[in-house]
C-alpha atoms as a PDB file:
ATOM      1  CA  MET A   1     295.241 206.710 147.908  1.00  0.00           C
ATOM      2  CA  THR A   2     292.757 204.051 146.813  1.00  0.00           C
ATOM      3  CA  ASP A   3     292.611 200.849 148.840  1.00  0.00           C
ATOM      4  CA  THR A   4     292.794 197.935 146.375  1.00  0.00           C
ATOM      5  CA  THR A   5     293.615 195.239 148.926  1.00  0.00           C
ATOM      6  CA  SER A   6     290.270 193.416 148.768  1.00  0.00           C
ATOM      7  CA  THR A   7     290.323 193.251 144.947  1.00  0.00           C
ATOM      8  CA  ALA A   8     293.923 192.070 144.872  1.00  0.00           C
ATOM      9  CA  LEU A   9     293.080 189.255 147.274  1.00  0.00           C
ATOM     10  CA  GLY A  10     290.210 188.113 145.090  1.00  0.00           C
ATOM     11  CA  ALA A  11     287.476 189.284 147.438  1.00  0.00           C
ATOM     12  CA  GLY A  12     285.821 191.313 144.694  1.00  0.00           C
ATOM     13  CA  PRO A  13     285.083 195.033 144.623  1.00  0.00           C
ATOM     14  CA  ALA A  14     283.875 196.798 147.728  1.00  0.00           C
ATOM     15  CA  ALA A  15     280.113 197.183 148.139  1.00  0.00           C
ATOM     16  CA  PRO A  16     278.790 200.452 146.734  1.00  0.00           C
ATOM     17  CA  PRO A  17     278.193 203.161 149.333  1.00  0.00           C
ATOM     18  CA  ILE A  18     274.655 203.547 150.665  1.00  0.00           C
ATOM     19  CA  GLU A  19     272.933 206.531 149.081  1.00  0.00           C
ATOM     20  CA  ALA A  20     271.948 209.495 151.231  1.00  0.00           C
ATOM     21  CA  ALA A  21     268.285 210.141 151.963  1.00  0.00           C
ATOM     22  CA  ALA A  22     269.154 213.579 153.354  1.00  0.00           C
ATOM     23  CA  ARG A  23     272.236 215.732 153.850  1.00  0.00           C
ATOM     24  CA  ALA A  24     273.251 218.847 155.724  1.00  0.00           C
ATOM     25  CA  ILE A  25     276.359 220.628 154.436  1.00  0.00           C
ATOM     26  CA  HIS A  26     278.127 223.287 156.525  1.00  0.00           C
ATOM     27  CA  VAL A  27     274.824 224.315 158.088  1.00  0.00           C
ATOM     28  CA  ARG A  28     274.617 227.224 160.491  1.00  0.00           C
ATOM     29  CA  LYS A  29     271.508 228.271 162.388  1.00  0.00           C
ATOM     30  CA  SER A  30     271.141 230.975 165.024  1.00  0.00           C
ATOM     31  CA  TYR A  31     268.268 232.596 166.861  1.00  0.00           C
ATOM     32  CA  GLY A  32     268.067 236.206 168.006  1.00  0.00           C
ATOM     33  CA  THR A  33     270.376 239.097 167.170  1.00  0.00           C
ATOM     34  CA  GLY A  34     273.261 240.958 168.708  1.00  0.00           C
ATOM     35  CA  ASP A  35     274.223 240.023 172.239  1.00  0.00           C
ATOM     36  CA  ALA A  36     271.082 237.901 172.520  1.00  0.00           C
ATOM     37  CA  ALA A  37     271.996 235.697 169.556  1.00  0.00           C
ATOM     38  CA  VAL A  38     272.237 231.962 170.244  1.00  0.00           C
ATOM     39  CA  THR A  39     274.014 229.616 167.834  1.00  0.00           C
ATOM     40  CA  ALA A  40     271.998 226.416 167.569  1.00  0.00           C
ATOM     41  CA  LEU A  41     273.950 224.779 164.722  1.00  0.00           C
ATOM     42  CA  ASP A  42     277.610 225.595 164.094  1.00  0.00           C
ATOM     43  CA  ASP A  43     278.956 224.365 160.732  1.00  0.00           C
ATOM     44  CA  VAL A  44     277.157 221.004 160.829  1.00  0.00           C
ATOM     45  CA  THR A  45     277.712 218.483 158.055  1.00  0.00           C
ATOM     46  CA  VAL A  46     275.829 215.166 158.292  1.00  0.00           C
ATOM     47  CA  ARG A  47     274.719 212.455 155.894  1.00  0.00           C
ATOM     48  CA  ILE A  48     271.614 210.356 156.573  1.00  0.00           C
ATOM     49  CA  PRO A  49     271.871 206.982 154.779  1.00  0.00           C
ATOM     50  CA  GLN A  50     268.852 205.500 153.040  1.00  0.00           C
ATOM     51  CA  SER A  51     266.960 202.629 154.670  1.00  0.00           C
ATOM     52  CA  ARG A  52     268.674 203.166 158.019  1.00  0.00           C
ATOM     53  CA  PHE A  53     267.435 204.232 161.443  1.00  0.00           C
ATOM     54  CA  THR A  54     269.474 207.179 162.739  1.00  0.00           C
ATOM     55  CA  ALA A  55     269.112 208.555 166.259  1.00  0.00           C
ATOM     56  CA  VAL A  56     270.264 212.071 167.152  1.00  0.00           C
ATOM     57  CA  MET A  57     271.287 212.702 170.750  1.00  0.00           C
ATOM     58  CA  GLY A  58     272.964 215.289 172.914  1.00  0.00           C
ATOM     59  CA  PRO A  59     272.471 217.382 176.035  1.00  0.00           C
ATOM     60  CA  SER A  60     269.849 220.098 176.276  1.00  0.00           C
ATOM     61  CA  GLY A  61     270.879 222.978 174.035  1.00  0.00           C
ATOM     62  CA  SER A  62     273.019 220.795 171.757  1.00  0.00           C
ATOM     63  CA  GLY A  63     270.942 221.618 168.653  1.00  0.00           C
ATOM     64  CA  LYS A  64     269.485 218.176 167.993  1.00  0.00           C
ATOM     65  CA  SER A  65     265.857 219.295 167.514  1.00  0.00           C
ATOM     66  CA  THR A  66     266.990 222.297 165.498  1.00  0.00           C
ATOM     67  CA  LEU A  67     268.944 219.988 163.181  1.00  0.00           C
ATOM     68  CA  LEU A  68     265.895 217.778 162.684  1.00  0.00           C
ATOM     69  CA  HIS A  69     263.600 220.738 161.983  1.00  0.00           C
ATOM     70  CA  CYS A  70     266.050 222.227 159.476  1.00  0.00           C
ATOM     71  CA  MET A  71     266.593 218.929 157.671  1.00  0.00           C
ATOM     72  CA  ALA A  72     262.824 218.389 157.511  1.00  0.00           C
ATOM     73  CA  GLY A  73     262.276 221.807 155.941  1.00  0.00           C
ATOM     74  CA  LEU A  74     260.347 223.094 158.964  1.00  0.00           C
ATOM     75  CA  ASP A  75     262.948 225.766 159.721  1.00  0.00           C
ATOM     76  CA  LYS A  76     265.340 227.698 157.496  1.00  0.00           C
ATOM     77  CA  VAL A  77     269.092 227.753 157.948  1.00  0.00           C
ATOM     78  CA  ASN A  78     271.225 230.908 158.042  1.00  0.00           C
ATOM     79  CA  ALA A  79     273.972 229.329 155.949  1.00  0.00           C
ATOM     80  CA  GLY A  80     274.801 226.031 154.313  1.00  0.00           C
ATOM     81  CA  GLN A  81     272.714 223.549 152.349  1.00  0.00           C
ATOM     82  CA  ILE A  82     270.037 220.980 153.181  1.00  0.00           C
ATOM     83  CA  PHE A  83     269.136 218.234 150.709  1.00  0.00           C
ATOM     84  CA  ILE A  84     266.266 215.745 150.675  1.00  0.00           C
ATOM     85  CA  GLY A  85     267.478 213.266 148.104  1.00  0.00           C
ATOM     86  CA  ASP A  86     268.915 215.464 145.361  1.00  0.00           C
ATOM     87  CA  VAL A  87     266.657 218.462 146.080  1.00  0.00           C
ATOM     88  CA  GLU A  88     268.238 221.443 147.828  1.00  0.00           C
ATOM     89  CA  LEU A  89     265.621 222.992 150.107  1.00  0.00           C
ATOM     90  CA  SER A  90     266.913 226.565 149.943  1.00  0.00           C
ATOM     91  CA  ARG A  91     266.172 226.653 146.200  1.00  0.00           C
ATOM     92  CA  LEU A  92     262.474 225.928 146.742  1.00  0.00           C
ATOM     93  CA  GLY A  93     259.731 228.505 147.069  1.00  0.00           C
ATOM     94  CA  ASP A  94     257.111 228.155 149.778  1.00  0.00           C
ATOM     95  CA  ARG A  95     254.689 226.147 147.615  1.00  0.00           C
ATOM     96  CA  ALA A  96     257.356 223.791 146.329  1.00  0.00           C
ATOM     97  CA  LEU A  97     258.677 223.273 149.854  1.00  0.00           C
ATOM     98  CA  THR A  98     255.160 222.494 151.071  1.00  0.00           C
ATOM     99  CA  ARG A  99     254.739 219.924 148.284  1.00  0.00           C
ATOM    100  CA  LEU A 100     258.076 218.324 149.110  1.00  0.00           C
ATOM    101  CA  ARG A 101     257.185 217.996 152.791  1.00  0.00           C
ATOM    102  CA  ARG A 102     253.797 216.558 151.842  1.00  0.00           C
ATOM    103  CA  ASP A 103     255.072 214.076 149.255  1.00  0.00           C
ATOM    104  CA  LYS A 104     258.544 213.073 150.425  1.00  0.00           C
ATOM    105  CA  VAL A 105     258.683 213.606 154.191  1.00  0.00           C
ATOM    106  CA  GLY A 106     256.826 211.983 157.068  1.00  0.00           C
ATOM    107  CA  PHE A 107     256.617 213.430 160.566  1.00  0.00           C
ATOM    108  CA  VAL A 108     256.117 211.899 164.006  1.00  0.00           C
ATOM    109  CA  PHE A 109     256.198 214.256 166.984  1.00  0.00           C
ATOM    110  CA  GLN A 110     256.013 213.928 170.757  1.00  0.00           C
ATOM    111  CA  ALA A 111     252.513 215.405 170.604  1.00  0.00           C
ATOM    112  CA  PHE A 112     250.553 213.009 168.436  1.00  0.00           C
ATOM    113  CA  ASN A 113     248.997 215.815 166.340  1.00  0.00           C
ATOM    114  CA  LEU A 114     245.904 213.802 165.466  1.00  0.00           C
ATOM    115  CA  ILE A 115     242.605 215.436 164.495  1.00  0.00           C
ATOM    116  CA  PRO A 116     240.252 214.646 167.398  1.00  0.00           C
ATOM    117  CA  THR A 117     237.085 214.582 165.266  1.00  0.00           C
ATOM    118  CA  LEU A 118     238.502 212.061 162.780  1.00  0.00           C
ATOM    119  CA  THR A 119     238.721 208.313 163.216  1.00  0.00           C
ATOM    120  CA  ALA A 120     242.046 206.497 163.287  1.00  0.00           C
ATOM    121  CA  ILE A 121     241.810 205.489 159.624  1.00  0.00           C
ATOM    122  CA  GLU A 122     240.783 209.024 158.627  1.00  0.00           C
ATOM    123  CA  ASN A 123     243.820 210.402 160.475  1.00  0.00           C
ATOM    124  CA  ILE A 124     246.061 207.844 158.779  1.00  0.00           C
ATOM    125  CA  THR A 125     244.929 208.771 155.265  1.00  0.00           C
ATOM    126  CA  LEU A 126     244.549 212.520 155.915  1.00  0.00           C
ATOM    127  CA  PRO A 127     247.776 213.647 154.150  1.00  0.00           C
ATOM    128  CA  LEU A 128     246.828 211.652 151.049  1.00  0.00           C
ATOM    129  CA  ASP A 129     243.290 213.047 151.154  1.00  0.00           C
ATOM    130  CA  ILE A 130     244.648 216.604 151.314  1.00  0.00           C
ATOM    131  CA  ALA A 131     246.953 215.859 148.377  1.00  0.00           C
ATOM    132  CA  GLY A 132     244.066 214.362 146.389  1.00  0.00           C
ATOM    133  CA  ARG A 133     245.832 211.002 146.159  1.00  0.00           C
ATOM    134  CA  ALA A 134     244.197 207.624 146.615  1.00  0.00           C
ATOM    135  CA  PRO A 135     246.066 205.314 148.975  1.00  0.00           C
ATOM    136  CA  ASP A 136     247.741 202.177 147.717  1.00  0.00           C
ATOM    137  CA  ARG A 137     245.320 199.718 149.326  1.00  0.00           C
ATOM    138  CA  ARG A 138     247.816 196.857 149.612  1.00  0.00           C
ATOM    139  CA  TRP A 139     250.429 199.128 151.186  1.00  0.00           C
ATOM    140  CA  LEU A 140     247.824 200.651 153.502  1.00  0.00           C
ATOM    141  CA  ASP A 141     246.755 197.174 154.611  1.00  0.00           C
ATOM    142  CA  ASP A 142     250.397 196.280 155.306  1.00  0.00           C
ATOM    143  CA  ILE A 143     250.835 199.423 157.416  1.00  0.00           C
ATOM    144  CA  ILE A 144     247.612 198.813 159.361  1.00  0.00           C
ATOM    145  CA  ASP A 145     248.755 195.282 160.132  1.00  0.00           C
ATOM    146  CA  ALA A 146     252.206 196.560 161.115  1.00  0.00           C
ATOM    147  CA  VAL A 147     250.793 199.015 163.670  1.00  0.00           C
ATOM    148  CA  GLY A 148     248.352 196.403 164.980  1.00  0.00           C
ATOM    149  CA  LEU A 149     245.300 198.654 165.045  1.00  0.00           C
ATOM    150  CA  ARG A 150     242.921 197.033 162.576  1.00  0.00           C
ATOM    151  CA  ASP A 151     240.251 196.631 165.248  1.00  0.00           C
ATOM    152  CA  ARG A 152     240.599 200.292 166.308  1.00  0.00           C
ATOM    153  CA  LEU A 153     240.372 202.029 162.926  1.00  0.00           C
ATOM    154  CA  GLY A 154     236.874 203.390 163.586  1.00  0.00           C
ATOM    155  CA  HIS A 155     237.824 204.910 166.942  1.00  0.00           C
ATOM    156  CA  ARG A 156     238.646 208.578 167.453  1.00  0.00           C
ATOM    157  CA  PRO A 157     241.893 209.616 169.193  1.00  0.00           C
ATOM    158  CA  GLY A 158     240.130 210.219 172.516  1.00  0.00           C
ATOM    159  CA  GLU A 159     239.128 206.565 172.522  1.00  0.00           C
ATOM    160  CA  LEU A 160     242.705 205.330 172.057  1.00  0.00           C
ATOM    161  CA  SER A 161     245.582 204.973 174.501  1.00  0.00           C
ATOM    162  CA  GLY A 162     248.660 207.143 174.121  1.00  0.00           C
ATOM    163  CA  GLY A 163     250.593 204.305 172.545  1.00  0.00           C
ATOM    164  CA  GLN A 164     247.787 203.603 170.100  1.00  0.00           C
ATOM    165  CA  GLN A 165     247.589 207.292 169.147  1.00  0.00           C
ATOM    166  CA  GLN A 166     251.319 207.391 168.454  1.00  0.00           C
ATOM    167  CA  ARG A 167     251.037 204.240 166.334  1.00  0.00           C
ATOM    168  CA  VAL A 168     248.306 206.002 164.337  1.00  0.00           C
ATOM    169  CA  ALA A 169     250.728 208.920 163.884  1.00  0.00           C
ATOM    170  CA  CYS A 170     253.429 206.491 162.691  1.00  0.00           C
ATOM    171  CA  ALA A 171     250.994 204.856 160.264  1.00  0.00           C
ATOM    172  CA  ARG A 172     250.049 208.297 158.930  1.00  0.00           C
ATOM    173  CA  ALA A 173     253.728 209.065 158.327  1.00  0.00           C
ATOM    174  CA  LEU A 174     254.306 205.740 156.560  1.00  0.00           C
ATOM    175  CA  THR A 175     251.195 205.580 154.388  1.00  0.00           C
ATOM    176  CA  GLY A 176     252.414 208.048 151.775  1.00  0.00           C
ATOM    177  CA  ARG A 177     255.689 206.126 151.338  1.00  0.00           C
ATOM    178  CA  PRO A 178     257.890 209.138 152.103  1.00  0.00           C
ATOM    179  CA  GLU A 179     261.573 209.155 151.322  1.00  0.00           C
ATOM    180  CA  ILE A 180     262.344 209.909 154.962  1.00  0.00           C
ATOM    181  CA  ILE A 181     260.553 210.110 158.314  1.00  0.00           C
ATOM    182  CA  PHE A 182     261.610 212.589 160.988  1.00  0.00           C
ATOM    183  CA  ALA A 183     260.585 211.728 164.546  1.00  0.00           C
ATOM    184  CA  ASP A 184     261.077 214.260 167.353  1.00  0.00           C
ATOM    185  CA  GLU A 185     260.960 212.565 170.780  1.00  0.00           C
ATOM    186  CA  PRO A 186     258.207 210.191 169.581  1.00  0.00           C
ATOM    187  CA  THR A 187     258.116 208.308 172.900  1.00  0.00           C
ATOM    188  CA  GLY A 188     258.329 211.357 175.160  1.00  0.00           C
ATOM    189  CA  ASN A 189     254.670 211.168 176.212  1.00  0.00           C
ATOM    190  CA  LEU A 190     254.478 207.377 176.471  1.00  0.00           C
ATOM    191  CA  ASP A 191     255.024 204.815 179.200  1.00  0.00           C
ATOM    192  CA  SER A 192     257.878 202.369 178.713  1.00  0.00           C
ATOM    193  CA  ARG A 193     255.741 199.588 177.228  1.00  0.00           C
ATOM    194  CA  SER A 194     253.969 201.851 174.720  1.00  0.00           C
ATOM    195  CA  GLY A 195     257.276 203.509 173.876  1.00  0.00           C
ATOM    196  CA  ALA A 196     258.858 200.147 173.119  1.00  0.00           C
ATOM    197  CA  GLU A 197     255.964 199.296 170.789  1.00  0.00           C
ATOM    198  CA  VAL A 198     256.417 202.543 168.844  1.00  0.00           C
ATOM    199  CA  LEU A 199     260.197 202.143 168.651  1.00  0.00           C
ATOM    200  CA  SER A 200     259.825 198.565 167.424  1.00  0.00           C
ATOM    201  CA  LEU A 201     257.425 199.798 164.759  1.00  0.00           C
ATOM    202  CA  LEU A 202     259.888 202.452 163.561  1.00  0.00           C
ATOM    203  CA  ARG A 203     262.762 199.939 163.565  1.00  0.00           C
ATOM    204  CA  ASP A 204     260.707 197.361 161.677  1.00  0.00           C
ATOM    205  CA  SER A 205     259.633 199.963 159.104  1.00  0.00           C
ATOM    206  CA  VAL A 206     263.329 200.436 158.337  1.00  0.00           C
ATOM    207  CA  HIS A 207     264.447 196.818 158.334  1.00  0.00           C
ATOM    208  CA  ASP A 208     261.320 195.283 156.776  1.00  0.00           C
ATOM    209  CA  LEU A 209     259.965 198.092 154.560  1.00  0.00           C
ATOM    210  CA  GLY A 210     263.155 199.949 153.611  1.00  0.00           C
ATOM    211  CA  GLN A 211     262.051 203.201 155.268  1.00  0.00           C
ATOM    212  CA  THR A 212     264.544 205.851 156.395  1.00  0.00           C
ATOM    213  CA  VAL A 213     263.997 207.231 159.907  1.00  0.00           C
ATOM    214  CA  VAL A 214     265.745 210.050 161.781  1.00  0.00           C
ATOM    215  CA  MET A 215     264.788 210.298 165.447  1.00  0.00           C
ATOM    216  CA  VAL A 216     265.715 212.854 168.081  1.00  0.00           C
ATOM    217  CA  THR A 217     265.703 211.327 171.546  1.00  0.00           C
ATOM    218  CA  HIS A 218     267.191 211.862 174.997  1.00  0.00           C
ATOM    219  CA  ASP A 219     266.688 208.213 175.981  1.00  0.00           C
ATOM    220  CA  PRO A 220     269.618 205.766 175.558  1.00  0.00           C
ATOM    221  CA  ALA A 221     267.179 202.836 175.514  1.00  0.00           C
ATOM    222  CA  ALA A 222     265.316 204.428 172.592  1.00  0.00           C
ATOM    223  CA  ALA A 223     268.578 205.131 170.743  1.00  0.00           C
ATOM    224  CA  ALA A 224     269.468 201.433 171.035  1.00  0.00           C
ATOM    225  CA  TYR A 225     266.715 200.649 168.512  1.00  0.00           C
ATOM    226  CA  SER A 226     268.604 202.619 165.838  1.00  0.00           C
ATOM    227  CA  ASP A 227     271.359 201.587 163.440  1.00  0.00           C
ATOM    228  CA  GLN A 228     273.543 204.551 164.291  1.00  0.00           C
ATOM    229  CA  VAL A 229     273.612 207.488 166.713  1.00  0.00           C
ATOM    230  CA  LEU A 230     274.829 211.004 165.958  1.00  0.00           C
ATOM    231  CA  PHE A 231     275.937 212.943 169.039  1.00  0.00           C
ATOM    232  CA  LEU A 232     275.671 216.732 169.095  1.00  0.00           C
ATOM    233  CA  SER A 233     277.165 219.162 171.581  1.00  0.00           C
ATOM    234  CA  ASP A 234     277.040 222.954 171.417  1.00  0.00           C
ATOM    235  CA  GLY A 235     275.647 222.863 167.880  1.00  0.00           C
ATOM    236  CA  ARG A 236     278.266 220.518 166.444  1.00  0.00           C
ATOM    237  CA  VAL A 237     278.377 216.834 165.578  1.00  0.00           C
ATOM    238  CA  VAL A 238     281.034 215.466 167.910  1.00  0.00           C
ATOM    239  CA  ASP A 239     280.695 211.685 167.574  1.00  0.00           C
ATOM    240  CA  ARG A 240     278.963 208.791 165.806  1.00  0.00           C
ATOM    241  CA  MET A 241     278.186 205.313 167.067  1.00  0.00           C
ATOM    242  CA  ALA A 242     277.192 202.338 164.917  1.00  0.00           C
ATOM    243  CA  GLY A 243     275.240 199.408 166.360  1.00  0.00           C
ATOM    244  CA  PRO A 244     274.453 201.257 169.601  1.00  0.00           C
ATOM    245  CA  THR A 245     273.464 199.652 172.872  1.00  0.00           C
ATOM    246  CA  ALA A 246     271.728 201.500 175.692  1.00  0.00           C
ATOM    247  CA  GLU A 247     274.775 201.016 177.926  1.00  0.00           C
ATOM    248  CA  ALA A 248     277.241 202.331 175.331  1.00  0.00           C
ATOM    249  CA  VAL A 249     275.075 205.358 174.557  1.00  0.00           C
ATOM    250  CA  LEU A 250     274.652 206.172 178.249  1.00  0.00           C
ATOM    251  CA  GLU A 251     278.393 205.935 178.801  1.00  0.00           C
ATOM    252  CA  ARG A 252     279.047 208.260 175.850  1.00  0.00           C
ATOM    253  CA  LEU A 253     276.519 210.804 177.113  1.00  0.00           C
ATOM    254  CA  LYS A 254     278.298 210.952 180.469  1.00  0.00           C
ATOM    255  CA  GLY A 255     281.218 212.571 178.665  1.00  0.00           C
ATOM    256  CA  PHE A 256     279.275 215.681 177.735  1.00  0.00           C
ATOM    257  CA  GLU A 257     279.527 218.874 179.712  1.00  0.00           C
ATOM    258  CA  PRO A 258     276.179 220.667 180.210  1.00  0.00           C
ATOM    259  CA  ALA A 259     275.491 222.957 177.254  1.00  0.00           C
ATOM    260  CA  GLY A 260     274.255 226.452 177.952  1.00  0.00           C
ATOM    261  CA  GLY A 261     272.052 228.727 175.921  1.00  0.00           C
ATOM    262  CA  SER A 262     269.223 227.379 173.789  1.00  0.00           C
ATOM    263  CA  THR A 263     267.054 224.502 174.961  1.00  0.00           C
ATOM    264  CA  ARG A 264     266.425 223.356 171.392  1.00  0.00           C
END
């Protein structure tokens, strides 16, 4: 039944739904065979809205990192469908999948994954250099200002703090204007102050630049920077929370029983 109440009352039509930047539809993923098989994702269906910051949480073994890796095209599913925009990943060959990850997806990991012999600016523009694309100078300048590292661009990673290195990694992910950024425990190696700087940068990239971010985290304080939290347990999405606070997330996590099996 269609709800026409708002129109009848003169409030006008409902706002159009936010488009999905990525989707997982009835996804299953397991590791191993026979008695040693572990189900990491069990019939997972999720929708990641565009220009929103989504956190993914759950106990160890819940499948949160596996979900991120599958949605980012870094791992293949056993069943179901993964879409980035309107592109179904399972229909792509290896080269096409590589191009999609290069052109439409940004990555930020717990390990900064910077090239130690390159300067900060060379690390930031590296994906574009590999693709043979010139950076949009105005956009690049905006990103450099956003990460607050203009005076450190000529320094190599070993000359930067952990927080500065992770901000370089965030800038690298943003510079190509990807459709979506996947971040796997991006503050896991950082102190609380540096972690807050990185989380603020990711949040601001969503709210100010229209970026879409999906972040796996175990930290309720980190999840509070997001617009919504997806909770996984035993390979299934069991809850969602909009407008999360650290206290509300922590309270929800207390309801989970320890998950056995995989540590993914």
